Amino acid sequence: MPGQTVPKVLQGLIRAGGGADVVHAHMTAAECAAAAASYCPTRGTPLVVTRHFAGPRGSSRLGGLAAKLIVRRSDAQIAISGYVADRVEGASTVIFPGWRARICRARSESPSC
């Protein structure tokens, strides 16, 4: 569900009710909205977040507060590389961007990709 601001994303998630099987959010602002919505109609819907940057969330004061909410509410975390996974707080599952996965499949499904 696209949204241009945290309140718009939050509004959309609340309007959607709890009908989703999973909520997947990217970047702190969207993750914050999804985490906040989890206390409303989406309660019980798993929240999966994707980490793009190698480092802890919340470089600003407000971001630090949002990070606490996101960490508390997230059910799983995806990292876009092993480098990112090694440098973010919490456990992450590495899922390479789609172009990398296509290359790996072409190389006979090598687990080293």
PDB file of N, CA and C in Angstrom:
ATOM      1  N   MET A   1       0.848  -1.160   0.000  1.00  0.00           N
ATOM      2  CA  MET A   1       0.000   0.000   0.000  1.00  0.00           C
ATOM      3  C   MET A   1       0.900   1.231   0.000  1.00  0.00           C
ATOM      4  N   PRO A   2       0.940   1.964  -1.080  1.00  0.00           N
ATOM      5  CA  PRO A   2       1.786   3.158  -1.141  1.00  0.00           C
ATOM      6  C   PRO A   2       1.190   4.293  -0.317  1.00  0.00           C
ATOM      7  N   GLY A   3       2.055   5.144   0.164  1.00  0.00           N
ATOM      8  CA  GLY A   3       1.627   6.324   0.901  1.00  0.00           C
ATOM      9  C   GLY A   3       2.745   7.338   0.897  1.00  0.00           C
ATOM     10  N   GLN A   4       2.371   8.605   0.854  1.00  0.00           N
ATOM     11  CA  GLN A   4       3.388   9.644   0.766  1.00  0.00           C
ATOM     12  C   GLN A   4       3.829  10.174   2.123  1.00  0.00           C
ATOM     13  N   THR A   5       3.043   9.930   3.158  1.00  0.00           N
ATOM     14  CA  THR A   5       3.403  10.388   4.501  1.00  0.00           C
ATOM     15  C   THR A   5       3.072   9.283   5.502  1.00  0.00           C
ATOM     16  N   VAL A   6       3.659   9.366   6.685  1.00  0.00           N
ATOM     17  CA  VAL A   6       3.375   8.381   7.733  1.00  0.00           C
ATOM     18  C   VAL A   6       1.880   8.371   8.051  1.00  0.00           C
ATOM     19  N   PRO A   7       1.243   9.533   8.246  1.00  0.00           N
ATOM     20  CA  PRO A   7      -0.202   9.498   8.528  1.00  0.00           C
ATOM     21  C   PRO A   7      -1.027   8.856   7.406  1.00  0.00           C
ATOM     22  N   LYS A   8      -0.646   9.086   6.140  1.00  0.00           N
ATOM     23  CA  LYS A   8      -1.385   8.488   5.019  1.00  0.00           C
ATOM     24  C   LYS A   8      -1.229   6.964   5.004  1.00  0.00           C
ATOM     25  N   VAL A   9      -0.025   6.476   5.262  1.00  0.00           N
ATOM     26  CA  VAL A   9       0.189   5.029   5.318  1.00  0.00           C
ATOM     27  C   VAL A   9      -0.601   4.445   6.481  1.00  0.00           C
ATOM     28  N   LEU A  10      -0.535   5.075   7.631  1.00  0.00           N
ATOM     29  CA  LEU A  10      -1.270   4.615   8.805  1.00  0.00           C
ATOM     30  C   LEU A  10      -2.766   4.576   8.511  1.00  0.00           C
ATOM     31  N   GLN A  11      -3.276   5.639   7.905  1.00  0.00           N
ATOM     32  CA  GLN A  11      -4.691   5.707   7.525  1.00  0.00           C
ATOM     33  C   GLN A  11      -5.074   4.551   6.599  1.00  0.00           C
ATOM     34  N   GLY A  12      -4.258   4.312   5.592  1.00  0.00           N
ATOM     35  CA  GLY A  12      -4.535   3.233   4.643  1.00  0.00           C
ATOM     36  C   GLY A  12      -4.540   1.871   5.302  1.00  0.00           C
ATOM     37  N   LEU A  13      -3.597   1.640   6.198  1.00  0.00           N
ATOM     38  CA  LEU A  13      -3.540   0.351   6.883  1.00  0.00           C
ATOM     39  C   LEU A  13      -4.744   0.156   7.791  1.00  0.00           C
ATOM     40  N   ILE A  14      -5.157   1.206   8.466  1.00  0.00           N
ATOM     41  CA  ILE A  14      -6.324   1.116   9.343  1.00  0.00           C
ATOM     42  C   ILE A  14      -7.576   0.864   8.509  1.00  0.00           C
ATOM     43  N   ARG A  15      -7.702   1.580   7.379  1.00  0.00           N
ATOM     44  CA  ARG A  15      -8.845   1.381   6.489  1.00  0.00           C
ATOM     45  C   ARG A  15      -8.890  -0.043   5.935  1.00  0.00           C
ATOM     46  N   ALA A  16      -7.718  -0.613   5.689  1.00  0.00           N
ATOM     47  CA  ALA A  16      -7.664  -1.971   5.138  1.00  0.00           C
ATOM     48  C   ALA A  16      -8.171  -3.005   6.138  1.00  0.00           C
ATOM     49  N   GLY A  17      -8.230  -2.621   7.397  1.00  0.00           N
ATOM     50  CA  GLY A  17      -8.732  -3.553   8.406  1.00  0.00           C
ATOM     51  C   GLY A  17      -7.681  -4.554   8.793  1.00  0.00           C
ATOM     52  N   GLY A  18      -7.980  -5.754   9.005  1.00  0.00           N
ATOM     53  CA  GLY A  18      -6.993  -6.761   9.350  1.00  0.00           C
ATOM     54  C   GLY A  18      -6.960  -7.852   8.318  1.00  0.00           C
ATOM     55  N   GLY A  19      -7.321  -7.528   7.085  1.00  0.00           N
ATOM     56  CA  GLY A  19      -7.483  -8.547   6.059  1.00  0.00           C
ATOM     57  C   GLY A  19      -6.203  -9.080   5.441  1.00  0.00           C
ATOM     58  N   ALA A  20      -5.072  -8.496   5.735  1.00  0.00           N
ATOM     59  CA  ALA A  20      -3.818  -8.939   5.115  1.00  0.00           C
ATOM     60  C   ALA A  20      -3.247 -10.153   5.843  1.00  0.00           C
ATOM     61  N   ASP A  21      -2.536 -10.998   5.094  1.00  0.00           N
ATOM     62  CA  ASP A  21      -1.831 -12.127   5.700  1.00  0.00           C
ATOM     63  C   ASP A  21      -0.546 -11.665   6.361  1.00  0.00           C
ATOM     64  N   VAL A  22       0.058 -10.615   5.784  1.00  0.00           N
ATOM     65  CA  VAL A  22       1.303 -10.059   6.312  1.00  0.00           C
ATOM     66  C   VAL A  22       1.398  -8.604   5.860  1.00  0.00           C
ATOM     67  N   VAL A  23       2.037  -7.785   6.679  1.00  0.00           N
ATOM     68  CA  VAL A  23       2.348  -6.410   6.294  1.00  0.00           C
ATOM     69  C   VAL A  23       3.856  -6.344   6.124  1.00  0.00           C
ATOM     70  N   HIS A  24       4.313  -5.859   4.950  1.00  0.00           N
ATOM     71  CA  HIS A  24       5.735  -5.755   4.650  1.00  0.00           C
ATOM     72  C   HIS A  24       6.055  -4.293   4.422  1.00  0.00           C
ATOM     73  N   ALA A  25       6.983  -3.757   5.196  1.00  0.00           N
ATOM     74  CA  ALA A  25       7.307  -2.335   5.108  1.00  0.00           C
ATOM     75  C   ALA A  25       8.792  -2.131   4.864  1.00  0.00           C
ATOM     76  N   HIS A  26       9.102  -1.057   4.136  1.00  0.00           N
ATOM     77  CA  HIS A  26      10.479  -0.665   3.839  1.00  0.00           C
ATOM     78  C   HIS A  26      10.712   0.727   4.389  1.00  0.00           C
ATOM     79  N   MET A  27      11.833   0.928   5.007  1.00  0.00           N
ATOM     80  CA  MET A  27      12.304   2.230   5.475  1.00  0.00           C
ATOM     81  C   MET A  27      11.557   2.647   6.752  1.00  0.00           C
ATOM     82  N   THR A  28      12.215   3.446   7.564  1.00  0.00           N
ATOM     83  CA  THR A  28      11.750   3.763   8.908  1.00  0.00           C
ATOM     84  C   THR A  28      10.351   4.370   8.938  1.00  0.00           C
ATOM     85  N   ALA A  29      10.051   5.322   8.066  1.00  0.00           N
ATOM     86  CA  ALA A  29       8.739   5.980   8.114  1.00  0.00           C
ATOM     87  C   ALA A  29       7.608   4.984   7.864  1.00  0.00           C
ATOM     88  N   ALA A  30       7.733   4.162   6.847  1.00  0.00           N
ATOM     89  CA  ALA A  30       6.697   3.169   6.550  1.00  0.00           C
ATOM     90  C   ALA A  30       6.621   2.113   7.643  1.00  0.00           C
ATOM     91  N   GLU A  31       7.774   1.713   8.159  1.00  0.00           N
ATOM     92  CA  GLU A  31       7.805   0.723   9.239  1.00  0.00           C
ATOM     93  C   GLU A  31       7.126   1.271  10.484  1.00  0.00           C
ATOM     94  N   CYS A  32       7.336   2.538  10.759  1.00  0.00           N
ATOM     95  CA  CYS A  32       6.714   3.177  11.922  1.00  0.00           C
ATOM     96  C   CYS A  32       5.193   3.189  11.773  1.00  0.00           C
ATOM     97  N   ALA A  33       4.714   3.560  10.598  1.00  0.00           N
ATOM     98  CA  ALA A  33       3.269   3.576  10.348  1.00  0.00           C
ATOM     99  C   ALA A  33       2.687   2.171  10.500  1.00  0.00           C
ATOM    100  N   ALA A  34       3.366   1.178   9.939  1.00  0.00           N
ATOM    101  CA  ALA A  34       2.878  -0.197  10.022  1.00  0.00           C
ATOM    102  C   ALA A  34       2.897  -0.699  11.465  1.00  0.00           C
ATOM    103  N   ALA A  35       3.925  -0.340  12.208  1.00  0.00           N
ATOM    104  CA  ALA A  35       4.003  -0.744  13.622  1.00  0.00           C
ATOM    105  C   ALA A  35       2.889  -0.088  14.425  1.00  0.00           C
ATOM    106  N   ALA A  36       2.626   1.189  14.180  1.00  0.00           N
ATOM    107  CA  ALA A  36       1.549   1.889  14.882  1.00  0.00           C
ATOM    108  C   ALA A  36       0.198   1.287  14.522  1.00  0.00           C
ATOM    109  N   ALA A  37       0.003   0.948  13.252  1.00  0.00           N
ATOM    110  CA  ALA A  37      -1.267   0.355  12.818  1.00  0.00           C
ATOM    111  C   ALA A  37      -1.496  -1.002  13.464  1.00  0.00           C
ATOM    112  N   SER A  38      -0.428  -1.663  13.874  1.00  0.00           N
ATOM    113  CA  SER A  38      -0.571  -2.992  14.466  1.00  0.00           C
ATOM    114  C   SER A  38      -1.308  -2.955  15.793  1.00  0.00           C
ATOM    115  N   TYR A  39      -1.471  -1.780  16.357  1.00  0.00           N
ATOM    116  CA  TYR A  39      -2.226  -1.651  17.597  1.00  0.00           C
ATOM    117  C   TYR A  39      -3.695  -1.376  17.304  1.00  0.00           C
ATOM    118  N   CYS A  40      -4.050  -1.305  16.031  1.00  0.00           N
ATOM    119  CA  CYS A  40      -5.417  -1.033  15.590  1.00  0.00           C
ATOM    120  C   CYS A  40      -5.984  -2.284  14.931  1.00  0.00           C
ATOM    121  N   PRO A  41      -6.721  -2.141  13.807  1.00  0.00           N
ATOM    122  CA  PRO A  41      -7.346  -3.317  13.193  1.00  0.00           C
ATOM    123  C   PRO A  41      -6.375  -4.365  12.666  1.00  0.00           C
ATOM    124  N   THR A  42      -5.128  -3.994  12.394  1.00  0.00           N
ATOM    125  CA  THR A  42      -4.190  -4.987  11.854  1.00  0.00           C
ATOM    126  C   THR A  42      -3.528  -5.800  12.968  1.00  0.00           C
ATOM    127  N   ARG A  43      -3.977  -5.628  14.185  1.00  0.00           N
ATOM    128  CA  ARG A  43      -3.390  -6.350  15.315  1.00  0.00           C
ATOM    129  C   ARG A  43      -3.366  -7.851  15.006  1.00  0.00           C
ATOM    130  N   GLY A  44      -2.260  -8.471  15.241  1.00  0.00           N
ATOM    131  CA  GLY A  44      -2.124  -9.899  14.983  1.00  0.00           C
ATOM    132  C   GLY A  44      -1.592 -10.225  13.595  1.00  0.00           C
ATOM    133  N   THR A  45      -1.579  -9.242  12.698  1.00  0.00           N
ATOM    134  CA  THR A  45      -1.024  -9.462  11.364  1.00  0.00           C
ATOM    135  C   THR A  45       0.492  -9.339  11.464  1.00  0.00           C
ATOM    136  N   PRO A  46       1.236 -10.338  11.011  1.00  0.00           N
ATOM    137  CA  PRO A  46       2.695 -10.257  11.109  1.00  0.00           C
ATOM    138  C   PRO A  46       3.261  -9.056  10.332  1.00  0.00           C
ATOM    139  N   LEU A  47       4.245  -8.412  10.929  1.00  0.00           N
ATOM    140  CA  LEU A  47       4.931  -7.282  10.302  1.00  0.00           C
ATOM    141  C   LEU A  47       6.355  -7.704   9.968  1.00  0.00           C
ATOM    142  N   VAL A  48       6.694  -7.640   8.679  1.00  0.00           N
ATOM    143  CA  VAL A  48       8.040  -7.954   8.195  1.00  0.00           C
ATOM    144  C   VAL A  48       8.632  -6.657   7.655  1.00  0.00           C
ATOM    145  N   VAL A  49       9.846  -6.341   8.065  1.00  0.00           N
ATOM    146  CA  VAL A  49      10.506  -5.115   7.621  1.00  0.00           C
ATOM    147  C   VAL A  49      11.758  -5.463   6.830  1.00  0.00           C
ATOM    148  N   THR A  50      12.089  -4.612   5.869  1.00  0.00           N
ATOM    149  CA  THR A  50      13.292  -4.823   5.059  1.00  0.00           C
ATOM    150  C   THR A  50      14.320  -3.771   5.410  1.00  0.00           C
ATOM    151  N   ARG A  51      15.538  -4.225   5.671  1.00  0.00           N
ATOM    152  CA  ARG A  51      16.643  -3.335   6.015  1.00  0.00           C
ATOM    153  C   ARG A  51      17.531  -3.152   4.797  1.00  0.00           C
ATOM    154  N   HIS A  52      17.734  -1.895   4.431  1.00  0.00           N
ATOM    155  CA  HIS A  52      18.551  -1.553   3.268  1.00  0.00           C
ATOM    156  C   HIS A  52      19.917  -0.988   3.658  1.00  0.00           C
ATOM    157  N   PHE A  53      19.999  -0.418   4.844  1.00  0.00           N
ATOM    158  CA  PHE A  53      21.211   0.296   5.254  1.00  0.00           C
ATOM    159  C   PHE A  53      21.918  -0.423   6.386  1.00  0.00           C
ATOM    160  N   ALA A  54      23.238  -0.444   6.318  1.00  0.00           N
ATOM    161  CA  ALA A  54      24.066  -1.145   7.306  1.00  0.00           C
ATOM    162  C   ALA A  54      24.266  -0.265   8.532  1.00  0.00           C
ATOM    163  N   GLY A  55      23.413  -0.423   9.499  1.00  0.00           N
ATOM    164  CA  GLY A  55      23.529   0.327  10.746  1.00  0.00           C
ATOM    165  C   GLY A  55      22.212   0.330  11.475  1.00  0.00           C
ATOM    166  N   PRO A  56      22.251   0.730  12.722  1.00  0.00           N
ATOM    167  CA  PRO A  56      21.010   0.752  13.491  1.00  0.00           C
ATOM    168  C   PRO A  56      20.034   1.801  12.969  1.00  0.00           C
ATOM    169  N   ARG A  57      18.771   1.562  13.189  1.00  0.00           N
ATOM    170  CA  ARG A  57      17.719   2.508  12.817  1.00  0.00           C
ATOM    171  C   ARG A  57      17.794   3.743  13.686  1.00  0.00           C
ATOM    172  N   GLY A  58      17.239   4.808  13.179  1.00  0.00           N
ATOM    173  CA  GLY A  58      17.009   5.981  14.010  1.00  0.00           C
ATOM    174  C   GLY A  58      18.194   6.899  14.164  1.00  0.00           C
ATOM    175  N   SER A  59      18.646   7.496  13.080  1.00  0.00           N
ATOM    176  CA  SER A  59      19.781   8.416  13.170  1.00  0.00           C
ATOM    177  C   SER A  59      19.370   9.750  13.792  1.00  0.00           C
ATOM    178  N   SER A  60      18.093  10.082  13.749  1.00  0.00           N
ATOM    179  CA  SER A  60      17.610  11.315  14.385  1.00  0.00           C
ATOM    180  C   SER A  60      16.947  10.962  15.717  1.00  0.00           C
ATOM    181  N   ARG A  61      16.639  11.961  16.493  1.00  0.00           N
ATOM    182  CA  ARG A  61      15.985  11.738  17.787  1.00  0.00           C
ATOM    183  C   ARG A  61      14.611  11.087  17.589  1.00  0.00           C
ATOM    184  N   LEU A  62      13.840  11.608  16.638  1.00  0.00           N
ATOM    185  CA  LEU A  62      12.531  11.040  16.341  1.00  0.00           C
ATOM    186  C   LEU A  62      12.672   9.624  15.778  1.00  0.00           C
ATOM    187  N   GLY A  63      13.679   9.430  14.927  1.00  0.00           N
ATOM    188  CA  GLY A  63      13.938   8.101  14.374  1.00  0.00           C
ATOM    189  C   GLY A  63      14.272   7.087  15.452  1.00  0.00           C
ATOM    190  N   GLY A  64      14.986   7.524  16.478  1.00  0.00           N
ATOM    191  CA  GLY A  64      15.318   6.648  17.599  1.00  0.00           C
ATOM    192  C   GLY A  64      14.079   6.194  18.357  1.00  0.00           C
ATOM    193  N   LEU A  65      13.133   7.104  18.527  1.00  0.00           N
ATOM    194  CA  LEU A  65      11.873   6.745  19.183  1.00  0.00           C
ATOM    195  C   LEU A  65      11.071   5.789  18.310  1.00  0.00           C
ATOM    196  N   ALA A  66      11.033   6.078  17.016  1.00  0.00           N
ATOM    197  CA  ALA A  66      10.319   5.206  16.083  1.00  0.00           C
ATOM    198  C   ALA A  66      10.955   3.817  16.075  1.00  0.00           C
ATOM    199  N   ALA A  67      12.279   3.759  16.150  1.00  0.00           N
ATOM    200  CA  ALA A  67      12.995   2.479  16.120  1.00  0.00           C
ATOM    201  C   ALA A  67      12.536   1.561  17.248  1.00  0.00           C
ATOM    202  N   LYS A  68      12.317   2.117  18.416  1.00  0.00           N
ATOM    203  CA  LYS A  68      11.872   1.304  19.558  1.00  0.00           C
ATOM    204  C   LYS A  68      10.518   0.658  19.270  1.00  0.00           C
ATOM    205  N   LEU A  69       9.607   1.428  18.703  1.00  0.00           N
ATOM    206  CA  LEU A  69       8.287   0.902  18.345  1.00  0.00           C
ATOM    207  C   LEU A  69       8.411  -0.173  17.273  1.00  0.00           C
ATOM    208  N   ILE A  70       9.216   0.088  16.256  1.00  0.00           N
ATOM    209  CA  ILE A  70       9.379  -0.849  15.142  1.00  0.00           C
ATOM    210  C   ILE A  70       9.982  -2.162  15.624  1.00  0.00           C
ATOM    211  N   VAL A  71      11.034  -2.085  16.426  1.00  0.00           N
ATOM    212  CA  VAL A  71      11.701  -3.295  16.922  1.00  0.00           C
ATOM    213  C   VAL A  71      10.732  -4.120  17.772  1.00  0.00           C
ATOM    214  N   ARG A  72       9.963  -3.443  18.620  1.00  0.00           N
ATOM    215  CA  ARG A  72       9.030  -4.135  19.511  1.00  0.00           C
ATOM    216  C   ARG A  72       7.924  -4.844  18.707  1.00  0.00           C
ATOM    217  N   ARG A  73       7.490  -4.257  17.606  1.00  0.00           N
ATOM    218  CA  ARG A  73       6.346  -4.775  16.857  1.00  0.00           C
ATOM    219  C   ARG A  73       6.719  -5.705  15.697  1.00  0.00           C
ATOM    220  N   SER A  74       7.934  -5.626  15.175  1.00  0.00           N
ATOM    221  CA  SER A  74       8.323  -6.428  14.011  1.00  0.00           C
ATOM    222  C   SER A  74       8.400  -7.906  14.351  1.00  0.00           C
ATOM    223  N   ASP A  75       7.878  -8.713  13.435  1.00  0.00           N
ATOM    224  CA  ASP A  75       7.917 -10.163  13.612  1.00  0.00           C
ATOM    225  C   ASP A  75       9.103 -10.799  12.903  1.00  0.00           C
ATOM    226  N   ALA A  76       9.579 -10.159  11.845  1.00  0.00           N
ATOM    227  CA  ALA A  76      10.725 -10.675  11.096  1.00  0.00           C
ATOM    228  C   ALA A  76      11.395  -9.511  10.381  1.00  0.00           C
ATOM    229  N   GLN A  77      12.660  -9.720  10.068  1.00  0.00           N
ATOM    230  CA  GLN A  77      13.451  -8.678   9.424  1.00  0.00           C
ATOM    231  C   GLN A  77      14.224  -9.287   8.258  1.00  0.00           C
ATOM    232  N   ILE A  78      14.153  -8.615   7.120  1.00  0.00           N
ATOM    233  CA  ILE A  78      14.872  -9.032   5.923  1.00  0.00           C
ATOM    234  C   ILE A  78      16.006  -8.039   5.700  1.00  0.00           C
ATOM    235  N   ALA A  79      17.172  -8.528   5.342  1.00  0.00           N
ATOM    236  CA  ALA A  79      18.288  -7.659   4.965  1.00  0.00           C
ATOM    237  C   ALA A  79      18.601  -7.915   3.500  1.00  0.00           C
ATOM    238  N   ILE A  80      19.024  -6.874   2.797  1.00  0.00           N
ATOM    239  CA  ILE A  80      19.273  -7.011   1.361  1.00  0.00           C
ATOM    240  C   ILE A  80      20.647  -7.596   1.052  1.00  0.00           C
ATOM    241  N   SER A  81      21.482  -7.780   2.080  1.00  0.00           N
ATOM    242  CA  SER A  81      22.797  -8.389   1.873  1.00  0.00           C
ATOM    243  C   SER A  81      23.325  -8.893   3.213  1.00  0.00           C
ATOM    244  N   GLY A  82      24.327  -9.750   3.139  1.00  0.00           N
ATOM    245  CA  GLY A  82      24.979 -10.209   4.356  1.00  0.00           C
ATOM    246  C   GLY A  82      25.650  -9.060   5.090  1.00  0.00           C
ATOM    247  N   TYR A  83      26.180  -8.121   4.342  1.00  0.00           N
ATOM    248  CA  TYR A  83      26.832  -6.944   4.929  1.00  0.00           C
ATOM    249  C   TYR A  83      25.835  -6.174   5.789  1.00  0.00           C
ATOM    250  N   VAL A  84      24.652  -5.945   5.260  1.00  0.00           N
ATOM    251  CA  VAL A  84      23.617  -5.228   6.020  1.00  0.00           C
ATOM    252  C   VAL A  84      23.195  -6.063   7.225  1.00  0.00           C
ATOM    253  N   ALA A  85      22.942  -7.349   7.033  1.00  0.00           N
ATOM    254  CA  ALA A  85      22.502  -8.223   8.125  1.00  0.00           C
ATOM    255  C   ALA A  85      23.481  -8.217   9.289  1.00  0.00           C
ATOM    256  N   ASP A  86      24.775  -8.157   8.987  1.00  0.00           N
ATOM    257  CA  ASP A  86      25.798  -8.162  10.033  1.00  0.00           C
ATOM    258  C   ASP A  86      25.867  -6.854  10.811  1.00  0.00           C
ATOM    259  N   ARG A  87      25.253  -5.799  10.301  1.00  0.00           N
ATOM    260  CA  ARG A  87      25.416  -4.476  10.903  1.00  0.00           C
ATOM    261  C   ARG A  87      24.133  -3.840  11.426  1.00  0.00           C
ATOM    262  N   VAL A  88      23.018  -4.567  11.376  1.00  0.00           N
ATOM    263  CA  VAL A  88      21.770  -4.046  11.929  1.00  0.00           C
ATOM    264  C   VAL A  88      21.468  -4.769  13.228  1.00  0.00           C
ATOM    265  N   GLU A  89      20.665  -4.121  14.051  1.00  0.00           N
ATOM    266  CA  GLU A  89      20.285  -4.751  15.305  1.00  0.00           C
ATOM    267  C   GLU A  89      19.266  -5.862  15.028  1.00  0.00           C
ATOM    268  N   GLY A  90      19.363  -6.935  15.777  1.00  0.00           N
ATOM    269  CA  GLY A  90      18.417  -8.040  15.637  1.00  0.00           C
ATOM    270  C   GLY A  90      18.773  -8.999  14.517  1.00  0.00           C
ATOM    271  N   ALA A  91      18.104 -10.131  14.548  1.00  0.00           N
ATOM    272  CA  ALA A  91      18.310 -11.173  13.537  1.00  0.00           C
ATOM    273  C   ALA A  91      17.662 -10.761  12.220  1.00  0.00           C
ATOM    274  N   SER A  92      18.313 -11.114  11.128  1.00  0.00           N
ATOM    275  CA  SER A  92      17.798 -10.818   9.793  1.00  0.00           C
ATOM    276  C   SER A  92      17.967 -12.029   8.894  1.00  0.00           C
ATOM    277  N   THR A  93      17.023 -12.188   7.987  1.00  0.00           N
ATOM    278  CA  THR A  93      17.141 -13.169   6.921  1.00  0.00           C
ATOM    279  C   THR A  93      17.592 -12.411   5.686  1.00  0.00           C
ATOM    280  N   VAL A  94      18.657 -12.876   5.054  1.00  0.00           N
ATOM    281  CA  VAL A  94      19.158 -12.205   3.856  1.00  0.00           C
ATOM    282  C   VAL A  94      18.371 -12.688   2.648  1.00  0.00           C
ATOM    283  N   ILE A  95      17.782 -11.753   1.939  1.00  0.00           N
ATOM    284  CA  ILE A  95      17.121 -12.030   0.664  1.00  0.00           C
ATOM    285  C   ILE A  95      17.695 -11.023  -0.321  1.00  0.00           C
ATOM    286  N   PHE A  96      18.425 -11.538  -1.294  1.00  0.00           N
ATOM    287  CA  PHE A  96      19.061 -10.665  -2.271  1.00  0.00           C
ATOM    288  C   PHE A  96      18.020 -10.031  -3.177  1.00  0.00           C
ATOM    289  N   PRO A  97      18.304  -8.836  -3.681  1.00  0.00           N
ATOM    290  CA  PRO A  97      17.389  -8.212  -4.644  1.00  0.00           C
ATOM    291  C   PRO A  97      17.158  -9.152  -5.831  1.00  0.00           C
ATOM    292  N   GLY A  98      16.029  -8.995  -6.498  1.00  0.00           N
ATOM    293  CA  GLY A  98      15.600  -9.895  -7.560  1.00  0.00           C
ATOM    294  C   GLY A  98      16.608 -10.140  -8.657  1.00  0.00           C
ATOM    295  N   TRP A  99      17.353  -9.140  -9.051  1.00  0.00           N
ATOM    296  CA  TRP A  99      18.304  -9.362 -10.139  1.00  0.00           C
ATOM    297  C   TRP A  99      19.356 -10.375  -9.732  1.00  0.00           C
ATOM    298  N   ARG A 100      19.772 -10.357  -8.499  1.00  0.00           N
ATOM    299  CA  ARG A 100      20.778 -11.300  -8.010  1.00  0.00           C
ATOM    300  C   ARG A 100      20.210 -12.719  -7.988  1.00  0.00           C
ATOM    301  N   ALA A 101      18.978 -12.848  -7.555  1.00  0.00           N
ATOM    302  CA  ALA A 101      18.357 -14.166  -7.478  1.00  0.00           C
ATOM    303  C   ALA A 101      18.248 -14.787  -8.869  1.00  0.00           C
ATOM    304  N   ARG A 102      17.922 -14.000  -9.877  1.00  0.00           N
ATOM    305  CA  ARG A 102      17.823 -14.532 -11.238  1.00  0.00           C
ATOM    306  C   ARG A 102      19.189 -15.029 -11.712  1.00  0.00           C
ATOM    307  N   ILE A 103      20.237 -14.302 -11.384  1.00  0.00           N
ATOM    308  CA  ILE A 103      21.585 -14.714 -11.760  1.00  0.00           C
ATOM    309  C   ILE A 103      21.928 -16.022 -11.048  1.00  0.00           C
ATOM    310  N   CYS A 104      21.583 -16.130  -9.765  1.00  0.00           N
ATOM    311  CA  CYS A 104      21.883 -17.340  -9.009  1.00  0.00           C
ATOM    312  C   CYS A 104      21.159 -18.544  -9.592  1.00  0.00           C
ATOM    313  N   ARG A 105      19.889 -18.383  -9.943  1.00  0.00           N
ATOM    314  CA  ARG A 105      19.150 -19.508 -10.521  1.00  0.00           C
ATOM    315  C   ARG A 105      19.808 -19.956 -11.825  1.00  0.00           C
ATOM    316  N   ALA A 106      20.289 -19.001 -12.574  1.00  0.00           N
ATOM    317  CA  ALA A 106      20.948 -19.338 -13.840  1.00  0.00           C
ATOM    318  C   ALA A 106      22.244 -20.101 -13.593  1.00  0.00           C
ATOM    319  N   ARG A 107      22.808 -19.958 -12.411  1.00  0.00           N
ATOM    320  CA  ARG A 107      24.054 -20.658 -12.067  1.00  0.00           C
ATOM    321  C   ARG A 107      23.771 -21.953 -11.314  1.00  0.00           C
ATOM    322  N   SER A 108      22.683 -22.579 -11.560  1.00  0.00           N
ATOM    323  CA  SER A 108      22.288 -23.872 -10.982  1.00  0.00           C
ATOM    324  C   SER A 108      21.978 -23.810  -9.487  1.00  0.00           C
ATOM    325  N   GLU A 109      21.357 -22.741  -9.052  1.00  0.00           N
ATOM    326  CA  GLU A 109      20.862 -22.646  -7.663  1.00  0.00           C
ATOM    327  C   GLU A 109      21.972 -22.752  -6.623  1.00  0.00           C
ATOM    328  N   SER A 110      23.133 -22.269  -6.908  1.00  0.00           N
ATOM    329  CA  SER A 110      24.258 -22.333  -5.976  1.00  0.00           C
ATOM    330  C   SER A 110      23.922 -21.599  -4.683  1.00  0.00           C
ATOM    331  N   PRO A 111      24.063 -22.235  -3.518  1.00  0.00           N
ATOM    332  CA  PRO A 111      23.776 -21.571  -2.250  1.00  0.00           C
ATOM    333  C   PRO A 111      24.781 -20.455  -1.925  1.00  0.00           C
ATOM    334  N   SER A 112      25.864 -20.384  -2.642  1.00  0.00           N
ATOM    335  CA  SER A 112      26.872 -19.345  -2.375  1.00  0.00           C
ATOM    336  C   SER A 112      26.529 -18.015  -3.031  1.00  0.00           C
ATOM    337  N   CYS A 113      25.469 -17.956  -3.828  1.00  0.00           N
ATOM    338  CA  CYS A 113      25.105 -16.714  -4.497  1.00  0.00           C
ATOM    339  C   CYS A 113      24.678 -15.665  -3.497  1.00  0.00           C
TER     340      CYS A 113
END
